[in-house]
Amino acid sequence: MGLFGKPSPPPPPPPSKQLPPLIDGAAAALDSFTAAVRGARTPLTDGAVAQAAVIAALLPLDALKTRLQIMHTTRPSVVRSSLAVAGDWYAGLLPAVVGALPYGALTFGSYEVAKEVLAERAPGLPRRRRLVLAACIGDAVGSLWLAPAEVVKQKLQTGMYPNAATAVRVMARTDGPGAFYQGYWALLARDLPARAVQLAVYEALKARLLAAGIGAAAAPGAGAGDKSAGVRRGRPTAGGGATAAAAASSSASASSSSTPLSTPVAVALGAASGAITGAATTPLDLLKTRMMAQRGGAGNLYANLVHAAVQSVRVDGPATLFRGVLPRAAYTGASAAFFFGAYEAVKRVHAAAAVAGRGAGAGGRGPTAGVAGAVPRRVVSTAVGGHDAPSQPVPRGGGGLLAARRRSTARVARFYARPA
């Protein structure tokens, strides 16, 4: 009791234990990252294994390109003699594979987190710009793992160290952790435009072929004479005129990304887009190679990317920027052919499964008729569904869930299109 018999006021509630904003935001970002990776773990794992296999198969081409790029002469006799004593063409295989395995998960998860943060903090920014910025952030985070592996790989390819263990031990003792990020910014300067160029070239070539009625895979369940599988040519009709042509052209453009290609066409387009990208970005790749292949410490010839460009042109001439262009174009072309061939094959499988799921949900007796109705109502997060909007429930029937998985697979797979 208080004075004059009045009851005492209740004690104030204890202060709530709230995390500092920075820690709370980091925890939320980690949760988003984990959800994104967990929701797409199957395509991420498949993509990592496939990427490692491609790297292992094509490593001699990469080694040839690296050894040509560090040479300061183009005299054929000197080049031949240098390559003859260059050593193991599979040197650097272990760091190359180790660098490739978690790269996709780190890049994809960081991209999802950045996309959500930008949608929340910068809603006025156009969506396309937000996605480009999020992709750049994802690459920057993924390259934190990739750069050390690339540095060790290229030092082994140039014969600087006999094996990866020796390289790591000497580099850490001589220059510390910074030795493993020698050329990090050069790596980003190469990869960001290379990814954009490769996907743009592939989608442009694909849209042209589909608009001409060439290359589309047969629709699931379509007969040999059914032409609805592809994207038909947008020609004006007698009654529709230019409006009908514009509508058909717009529809073809919008559907080209989601229309699966036949395997031979996908392989050919992948090889073309990869080779074009590799050739166009060879100067950036050469600068990255020369930055990463330095001995470190006082033995470094280049202080940064700009200095490497200036010195390379001044000492070896402008043509040196395209040294190694043929093995690089062959490497990126073969890698992209394998990737896009597998990518379009996965899209065809998911498209067929989605059609079967819709048929089963409608009461059909297709291959999934006994399973689709048993799919529980669940929520697909933004990491899987690929939407900026809040998570949407997927009804029974399997079609929506399969479509969400297909979108997830497509978006994950694009992160493995990075030209090496």
Protein backbone atom coordinates (compact mmCIF):
# COMPACT_ATOMS: atom_id res chain seq x y z
CA MET A 1 0.00 0.00 0.00
CA GLY A 2 1.15 3.53 -0.73
CA LEU A 3 0.58 6.72 1.18
CA PHE A 4 -2.98 7.47 2.41
CA GLY A 5 -3.93 3.84 1.87
CA LYS A 6 -3.78 4.07 -1.89
CA PRO A 7 -2.50 1.00 -3.75
CA SER A 8 1.01 1.26 -5.15
CA PRO A 9 1.31 1.43 -8.93
CA PRO A 10 2.32 -1.84 -10.59
CA PRO A 11 6.03 -2.18 -11.25
CA PRO A 12 7.11 -1.37 -14.81
CA PRO A 13 7.46 -4.38 -17.08
CA PRO A 14 11.00 -5.64 -17.51
CA PRO A 15 12.69 -4.33 -20.65
CA SER A 16 12.29 -6.65 -23.58
CA LYS A 17 15.44 -8.36 -24.68
CA GLN A 18 15.68 -7.13 -28.24
CA LEU A 19 18.67 -7.77 -30.40
CA PRO A 20 20.53 -4.76 -31.77
CA PRO A 21 19.23 -3.84 -35.25
CA LEU A 22 22.46 -4.92 -36.94
CA ILE A 23 22.46 -8.36 -35.31
CA ASP A 24 18.73 -8.76 -35.88
CA GLY A 25 19.12 -7.88 -39.56
CA ALA A 26 22.05 -10.29 -39.94
CA ALA A 27 20.01 -13.07 -38.34
CA ALA A 28 17.10 -12.38 -40.70
CA ALA A 29 19.44 -12.39 -43.69
CA LEU A 30 20.94 -15.69 -42.57
CA ASP A 31 17.45 -17.18 -42.22
CA SER A 32 16.57 -16.02 -45.75
CA PHE A 33 19.83 -17.40 -47.11
CA THR A 34 19.28 -20.77 -45.44
CA ALA A 35 15.68 -20.97 -46.66
CA ALA A 36 16.71 -20.13 -50.23
CA VAL A 37 19.45 -22.76 -50.34
CA ARG A 38 17.34 -25.41 -48.61
CA GLY A 39 14.41 -24.82 -50.96
CA ALA A 40 16.63 -25.23 -54.01
CA ARG A 41 19.04 -27.84 -52.69
CA THR A 42 18.33 -30.40 -55.41
CA PRO A 43 19.08 -28.19 -58.45
CA LEU A 44 21.98 -26.60 -56.56
CA THR A 45 23.54 -29.99 -55.84
CA ASP A 46 22.96 -31.27 -59.36
CA GLY A 47 24.37 -28.08 -60.83
CA ALA A 48 27.46 -28.20 -58.62
CA VAL A 49 28.23 -31.79 -59.58
CA ALA A 50 27.70 -31.06 -63.28
CA GLN A 51 29.87 -27.95 -63.10
CA ALA A 52 32.66 -29.87 -61.38
CA ALA A 53 32.50 -32.56 -64.07
CA VAL A 54 32.73 -29.97 -66.85
CA ILE A 55 35.68 -28.26 -65.17
CA ALA A 56 37.52 -31.56 -64.79
CA ALA A 57 36.94 -32.51 -68.44
CA LEU A 58 38.00 -29.13 -69.84
CA LEU A 59 40.86 -28.28 -67.47
CA PRO A 60 43.62 -28.85 -70.08
CA LEU A 61 42.05 -26.13 -72.26
CA ASP A 62 41.98 -23.80 -69.27
CA ALA A 63 45.62 -24.59 -68.50
CA LEU A 64 46.62 -23.86 -72.12
CA LYS A 65 44.83 -20.52 -71.98
CA THR A 66 46.49 -19.59 -68.69
CA ARG A 67 49.99 -20.47 -69.89
CA LEU A 68 49.54 -18.48 -73.10
CA GLN A 69 48.26 -15.45 -71.23
CA ILE A 70 51.23 -15.13 -68.89
CA MET A 71 53.76 -15.27 -71.75
CA HIS A 72 55.33 -12.01 -72.87
CA THR A 73 56.19 -13.20 -76.35
CA THR A 74 54.31 -14.47 -79.38
CA ARG A 75 57.27 -16.04 -81.21
CA PRO A 76 56.02 -19.52 -82.25
CA SER A 77 59.27 -21.29 -81.41
CA VAL A 78 59.38 -19.82 -77.89
CA VAL A 79 55.69 -20.54 -77.32
CA ARG A 80 56.08 -24.17 -78.44
CA SER A 81 59.14 -24.78 -76.30
CA SER A 82 57.50 -23.16 -73.26
CA LEU A 83 54.37 -25.26 -73.62
CA ALA A 84 56.43 -28.43 -74.13
CA VAL A 85 57.99 -28.08 -70.68
CA ALA A 86 54.93 -26.57 -68.99
CA GLY A 87 54.20 -29.67 -66.91
CA ASP A 88 50.97 -31.40 -65.90
CA TRP A 89 47.95 -30.24 -67.89
CA TYR A 90 45.69 -31.26 -65.02
CA ALA A 91 47.56 -29.18 -62.46
CA GLY A 92 45.09 -27.27 -60.33
CA LEU A 93 42.27 -29.79 -60.65
CA LEU A 94 41.62 -30.05 -56.90
CA PRO A 95 41.27 -26.30 -56.20
CA ALA A 96 39.23 -25.87 -59.39
CA VAL A 97 36.67 -28.45 -58.28
CA VAL A 98 36.66 -27.31 -54.65
CA GLY A 99 36.03 -23.75 -55.79
CA ALA A 100 33.13 -24.74 -58.02
CA LEU A 101 31.16 -26.90 -55.57
CA PRO A 102 29.78 -24.32 -53.05
CA TYR A 103 29.95 -21.37 -55.44
CA GLY A 104 26.42 -21.79 -56.76
CA ALA A 105 24.86 -22.11 -53.30
CA LEU A 106 26.66 -19.01 -52.01
CA THR A 107 25.79 -16.97 -55.08
CA PHE A 108 22.17 -18.07 -55.29
CA GLY A 109 21.48 -17.67 -51.56
CA SER A 110 23.09 -14.22 -51.48
CA TYR A 111 21.11 -13.22 -54.56
CA GLU A 112 17.83 -14.19 -52.87
CA VAL A 113 18.68 -12.24 -49.71
CA ALA A 114 19.78 -9.17 -51.69
CA LYS A 115 16.64 -9.33 -53.82
CA GLU A 116 14.38 -9.36 -50.76
CA VAL A 117 16.29 -6.54 -49.02
CA LEU A 118 16.23 -4.36 -52.13
CA ALA A 119 12.51 -4.99 -52.63
CA GLU A 120 11.92 -3.86 -49.04
CA ARG A 121 14.37 -0.97 -48.82
CA ALA A 122 14.25 0.35 -52.40
CA PRO A 123 10.72 -0.35 -53.68
CA GLY A 124 10.94 2.63 -56.05
CA LEU A 125 13.84 1.10 -57.94
CA PRO A 126 12.70 -0.62 -61.16
CA ARG A 127 12.47 -4.38 -60.72
CA ARG A 128 14.96 -5.17 -63.48
CA ARG A 129 17.58 -2.94 -61.86
CA ARG A 130 16.95 -4.54 -58.47
CA LEU A 131 17.52 -7.99 -59.96
CA VAL A 132 20.72 -6.90 -61.71
CA LEU A 133 22.04 -5.32 -58.51
CA ALA A 134 21.07 -8.43 -56.51
CA ALA A 135 22.89 -10.64 -59.04
CA CYS A 136 26.02 -8.47 -58.70
CA ILE A 137 25.86 -8.80 -54.91
CA GLY A 138 25.42 -12.56 -55.23
CA ASP A 139 28.46 -12.81 -57.49
CA ALA A 140 30.53 -10.69 -55.11
CA VAL A 141 29.68 -12.98 -52.19
CA GLY A 142 30.19 -16.20 -54.16
CA SER A 143 33.54 -14.95 -55.41
CA LEU A 144 34.76 -14.66 -51.82
CA TRP A 145 34.94 -18.47 -51.94
CA LEU A 146 35.86 -18.78 -55.62
CA ALA A 147 38.78 -16.32 -55.66
CA PRO A 148 41.14 -18.27 -53.35
CA ALA A 149 40.53 -21.45 -55.34
CA GLU A 150 41.21 -19.62 -58.61
CA VAL A 151 44.43 -18.10 -57.25
CA VAL A 152 45.78 -21.47 -56.12
CA LYS A 153 44.67 -23.14 -59.36
CA GLN A 154 46.42 -20.62 -61.58
CA LYS A 155 49.62 -20.69 -59.57
CA LEU A 156 49.68 -24.47 -60.00
CA GLN A 157 48.94 -24.20 -63.72
CA THR A 158 51.91 -21.88 -64.19
CA GLY A 159 54.22 -24.24 -62.31
CA MET A 160 54.83 -21.92 -59.38
CA TYR A 161 54.13 -24.63 -56.77
CA PRO A 162 54.20 -28.45 -57.02
CA ASN A 163 50.83 -29.03 -55.34
CA ALA A 164 47.92 -27.28 -53.65
CA ALA A 165 49.07 -27.95 -50.07
CA THR A 166 52.46 -26.33 -50.71
CA ALA A 167 50.84 -23.37 -52.45
CA VAL A 168 48.45 -22.71 -49.55
CA ARG A 169 51.19 -23.06 -46.92
CA VAL A 170 53.69 -20.77 -48.68
CA MET A 171 51.10 -18.15 -49.64
CA ALA A 172 49.69 -17.98 -46.11
CA ARG A 173 53.15 -17.71 -44.56
CA THR A 174 54.43 -15.12 -47.03
CA ASP A 175 51.53 -12.72 -47.57
CA GLY A 176 48.79 -13.82 -45.17
CA PRO A 177 45.08 -14.06 -46.06
CA GLY A 178 45.37 -11.29 -48.65
CA ALA A 179 47.40 -13.58 -50.88
CA PHE A 180 44.30 -15.64 -51.60
CA TYR A 181 42.36 -12.59 -52.83
CA GLN A 182 44.98 -11.40 -55.26
CA GLY A 183 42.92 -10.53 -58.32
CA TYR A 184 39.51 -10.65 -56.60
CA TRP A 185 38.32 -7.44 -58.26
CA ALA A 186 39.67 -8.63 -61.60
CA LEU A 187 37.63 -11.81 -61.17
CA LEU A 188 34.46 -9.77 -60.60
CA ALA A 189 35.31 -7.46 -63.50
CA ARG A 190 35.41 -10.53 -65.75
CA ASP A 191 32.49 -12.51 -64.41
CA LEU A 192 29.79 -9.83 -64.13
CA PRO A 193 29.86 -8.73 -67.78
CA ALA A 194 30.53 -12.31 -68.95
CA ARG A 195 27.38 -13.60 -67.28
CA ALA A 196 25.28 -10.76 -68.68
CA VAL A 197 26.67 -11.16 -72.21
CA GLN A 198 26.27 -14.95 -72.28
CA LEU A 199 22.66 -14.99 -71.10
CA ALA A 200 21.73 -12.06 -73.35
CA VAL A 201 23.27 -13.72 -76.43
CA TYR A 202 21.64 -17.07 -75.64
CA GLU A 203 18.18 -15.59 -75.06
CA ALA A 204 18.43 -13.42 -78.18
CA LEU A 205 19.42 -16.36 -80.38
CA LYS A 206 16.74 -18.54 -78.80
CA ALA A 207 14.02 -15.93 -79.32
CA ARG A 208 14.95 -15.56 -83.00
CA LEU A 209 14.84 -19.30 -83.62
CA LEU A 210 11.54 -19.76 -81.79
CA ALA A 211 9.99 -16.81 -83.58
CA ALA A 212 10.92 -18.53 -86.84
CA GLY A 213 9.36 -21.79 -85.63
CA ILE A 214 12.72 -23.55 -85.26
CA GLY A 215 14.15 -25.54 -82.39
CA ALA A 216 11.25 -25.85 -79.94
CA ALA A 217 10.93 -29.21 -78.22
CA ALA A 218 7.70 -31.10 -78.77
CA ALA A 219 5.05 -30.29 -76.21
CA PRO A 220 4.30 -33.11 -73.74
CA GLY A 221 1.63 -35.33 -75.25
CA ALA A 222 1.68 -33.57 -78.61
CA GLY A 223 1.53 -35.62 -81.76
CA ALA A 224 4.00 -35.43 -84.58
CA GLY A 225 1.81 -33.08 -86.52
CA ASP A 226 0.93 -30.78 -83.64
CA LYS A 227 2.66 -27.47 -84.14
CA SER A 228 1.56 -25.96 -80.85
CA ALA A 229 4.79 -27.04 -79.18
CA GLY A 230 6.82 -24.22 -80.62
CA VAL A 231 6.33 -20.50 -80.84
CA ARG A 232 4.67 -19.74 -84.12
CA ARG A 233 5.82 -17.04 -86.42
CA GLY A 234 4.01 -13.78 -85.73
CA ARG A 235 2.59 -12.90 -89.14
CA PRO A 236 -0.29 -10.44 -89.63
CA THR A 237 -3.58 -12.00 -90.71
CA ALA A 238 -6.05 -10.55 -93.12
CA GLY A 239 -8.41 -9.37 -90.38
CA GLY A 240 -5.89 -8.51 -87.69
CA GLY A 241 -3.33 -6.43 -89.52
CA ALA A 242 -0.42 -4.93 -87.60
CA THR A 243 -2.18 -5.34 -84.25
CA ALA A 244 -2.31 -9.11 -84.60
CA ALA A 245 1.33 -9.20 -85.69
CA ALA A 246 2.42 -7.11 -82.72
CA ALA A 247 0.42 -9.28 -80.32
CA ALA A 248 1.88 -12.45 -81.79
CA SER A 249 5.40 -11.02 -81.65
CA SER A 250 4.93 -9.92 -78.04
CA SER A 251 3.54 -13.33 -77.09
CA ALA A 252 6.45 -15.10 -78.77
CA SER A 253 8.98 -12.89 -77.01
CA ALA A 254 7.34 -13.39 -73.63
CA SER A 255 7.16 -17.16 -73.96
CA SER A 256 10.61 -17.75 -75.47
CA SER A 257 12.35 -17.97 -72.09
CA SER A 258 9.94 -20.62 -70.80
CA THR A 259 9.75 -22.68 -74.02
CA PRO A 260 12.15 -25.64 -73.88
CA LEU A 261 14.45 -26.20 -76.83
CA SER A 262 15.35 -29.53 -78.35
CA THR A 263 18.70 -30.85 -77.13
CA PRO A 264 20.69 -30.41 -80.39
CA VAL A 265 19.50 -26.81 -80.77
CA ALA A 266 20.19 -26.00 -77.10
CA VAL A 267 23.70 -27.44 -77.39
CA ALA A 268 24.39 -25.44 -80.55
CA LEU A 269 23.05 -22.18 -79.09
CA GLY A 270 24.94 -22.78 -75.85
CA ALA A 271 28.18 -23.35 -77.72
CA ALA A 272 27.65 -20.20 -79.80
CA SER A 273 26.76 -17.98 -76.84
CA GLY A 274 29.62 -19.38 -74.75
CA ALA A 275 32.21 -18.93 -77.50
CA ILE A 276 31.07 -15.37 -78.24
CA THR A 277 31.15 -14.50 -74.55
CA GLY A 278 34.56 -16.07 -74.02
CA ALA A 279 36.07 -14.23 -76.97
CA ALA A 280 34.52 -10.89 -76.02
CA THR A 281 35.72 -11.04 -72.41
CA THR A 282 39.23 -12.37 -73.12
CA PRO A 283 40.93 -9.04 -72.24
CA LEU A 284 39.33 -9.09 -68.79
CA ASP A 285 40.26 -12.74 -68.37
CA LEU A 286 43.87 -12.08 -69.33
CA LEU A 287 44.13 -9.30 -66.74
CA LYS A 288 42.60 -11.59 -64.11
CA THR A 289 45.09 -14.33 -64.99
CA ARG A 290 48.08 -12.02 -64.78
CA MET A 291 46.90 -10.61 -61.45
CA MET A 292 46.33 -14.04 -59.89
CA ALA A 293 49.46 -15.71 -61.30
CA GLN A 294 51.83 -13.22 -59.65
CA ARG A 295 54.35 -14.50 -57.13
CA GLY A 296 53.14 -12.22 -54.38
CA GLY A 297 54.82 -9.64 -52.17
CA ALA A 298 57.76 -7.81 -53.76
CA GLY A 299 57.58 -10.10 -56.79
CA ASN A 300 54.28 -8.65 -57.99
CA LEU A 301 54.37 -6.85 -61.34
CA TYR A 302 50.89 -5.32 -61.11
CA ALA A 303 49.37 -3.30 -58.28
CA ASN A 304 45.76 -3.43 -59.45
CA LEU A 305 43.56 -4.13 -62.46
CA VAL A 306 44.13 -0.75 -64.14
CA HIS A 307 47.89 -0.99 -63.64
CA ALA A 308 47.86 -4.50 -65.11
CA ALA A 309 46.01 -3.25 -68.20
CA VAL A 310 48.33 -0.30 -68.72
CA GLN A 311 51.49 -2.32 -68.21
CA SER A 312 50.35 -5.20 -70.40
CA VAL A 313 49.54 -2.89 -73.31
CA ARG A 314 52.71 -0.82 -72.84
CA VAL A 315 55.08 -3.79 -72.63
CA ASP A 316 53.42 -6.36 -74.91
CA GLY A 317 51.22 -4.23 -77.16
CA PRO A 318 47.41 -4.01 -77.47
CA ALA A 319 47.15 -7.40 -79.19
CA THR A 320 48.28 -9.11 -76.00
CA LEU A 321 44.85 -8.49 -74.47
CA PHE A 322 43.42 -11.19 -76.74
CA ARG A 323 46.16 -13.72 -76.07
CA GLY A 324 44.61 -17.13 -75.41
CA VAL A 325 41.34 -16.18 -77.12
CA LEU A 326 40.99 -19.47 -79.02
CA PRO A 327 41.34 -21.87 -76.05
CA ARG A 328 39.18 -19.57 -73.94
CA ALA A 329 36.43 -19.46 -76.58
CA ALA A 330 36.64 -23.25 -76.98
CA TYR A 331 36.47 -23.74 -73.21
CA THR A 332 33.53 -21.42 -72.61
CA GLY A 333 31.76 -22.71 -75.73
CA ALA A 334 32.04 -26.36 -74.66
CA SER A 335 31.08 -25.53 -71.07
CA ALA A 336 28.02 -23.52 -72.15
CA ALA A 337 26.97 -26.20 -74.65
CA PHE A 338 26.94 -28.81 -71.89
CA PHE A 339 25.18 -26.49 -69.46
CA PHE A 340 22.43 -25.22 -71.75
CA GLY A 341 21.82 -28.69 -73.18
CA ALA A 342 21.25 -30.05 -69.67
CA TYR A 343 19.31 -26.93 -68.66
CA GLU A 344 16.79 -27.26 -71.50
CA ALA A 345 16.49 -31.01 -70.83
CA VAL A 346 15.56 -30.29 -67.21
CA LYS A 347 12.98 -27.76 -68.38
CA ARG A 348 11.41 -30.38 -70.65
CA VAL A 349 11.20 -32.87 -67.78
CA HIS A 350 9.54 -30.33 -65.51
CA ALA A 351 7.16 -29.22 -68.24
CA ALA A 352 6.05 -32.83 -68.79
CA ALA A 353 5.64 -33.36 -65.04
CA ALA A 354 3.59 -30.17 -64.74
CA VAL A 355 1.26 -31.29 -67.55
CA ALA A 356 0.86 -34.70 -65.93
CA GLY A 357 0.18 -33.09 -62.56
CA ARG A 358 -2.51 -30.81 -63.99
CA GLY A 359 -4.14 -33.78 -65.69
CA ALA A 360 -4.16 -35.77 -62.46
CA GLY A 361 -5.55 -32.83 -60.51
CA ALA A 362 -8.42 -32.64 -62.97
CA GLY A 363 -9.33 -36.29 -62.29
CA GLY A 364 -7.20 -37.86 -65.03
CA ARG A 365 -5.45 -41.18 -64.76
CA GLY A 366 -2.02 -40.00 -65.84
CA PRO A 367 1.27 -41.20 -64.39
CA THR A 368 0.83 -39.07 -61.25
CA ALA A 369 -2.89 -39.61 -60.79
CA GLY A 370 -2.49 -41.48 -57.55
CA VAL A 371 0.03 -39.00 -56.12
CA ALA A 372 -1.05 -35.52 -57.09
CA GLY A 373 -4.12 -35.47 -54.91
CA ALA A 374 -2.06 -36.46 -51.91
CA VAL A 375 0.23 -33.42 -52.14
CA PRO A 376 -0.51 -31.46 -48.98
CA ARG A 377 -1.36 -27.80 -49.04
CA ARG A 378 1.90 -26.03 -48.39
CA VAL A 379 3.59 -22.68 -48.74
CA VAL A 380 6.34 -22.09 -51.26
CA SER A 381 8.68 -19.35 -50.12
CA THR A 382 9.95 -16.54 -52.30
CA ALA A 383 13.24 -18.41 -52.56
CA VAL A 384 11.54 -21.20 -54.49
CA GLY A 385 8.65 -19.48 -56.18
CA GLY A 386 10.67 -16.59 -57.51
CA HIS A 387 8.17 -13.86 -56.57
CA ASP A 388 8.68 -10.52 -54.85
CA ALA A 389 5.20 -10.87 -53.33
CA PRO A 390 4.63 -12.72 -50.03
CA SER A 391 4.64 -16.50 -50.09
CA GLN A 392 1.61 -18.03 -51.76
CA PRO A 393 -0.06 -21.33 -50.76
CA VAL A 394 0.02 -24.03 -53.39
CA PRO A 395 -3.29 -25.93 -53.71
CA ARG A 396 -3.60 -29.66 -53.96
CA GLY A 397 -2.95 -31.05 -57.39
CA GLY A 398 0.81 -30.76 -57.81
CA GLY A 399 0.77 -28.42 -60.81
CA GLY A 400 1.58 -25.30 -58.79
CA LEU A 401 4.29 -27.02 -56.80
CA LEU A 402 5.90 -28.45 -59.92
CA ALA A 403 5.76 -25.06 -61.59
CA ALA A 404 7.42 -23.49 -58.54
CA ARG A 405 10.15 -26.12 -58.63
CA ARG A 406 10.63 -25.56 -62.35
CA ARG A 407 11.06 -21.81 -61.79
CA SER A 408 13.51 -22.51 -58.97
CA THR A 409 15.53 -24.89 -61.13
CA ALA A 410 15.65 -22.38 -63.97
CA ARG A 411 16.82 -19.57 -61.72
CA VAL A 412 19.37 -21.72 -59.92
CA ALA A 413 20.74 -23.09 -63.17
CA ARG A 414 21.52 -19.64 -64.50
CA PHE A 415 24.12 -19.20 -61.77
CA TYR A 416 26.09 -22.06 -63.28
CA ALA A 417 26.28 -20.28 -66.64
CA ARG A 418 29.28 -18.30 -65.43
CA PRO A 419 32.00 -18.54 -68.08
CA ALA A 420 35.24 -19.76 -66.50
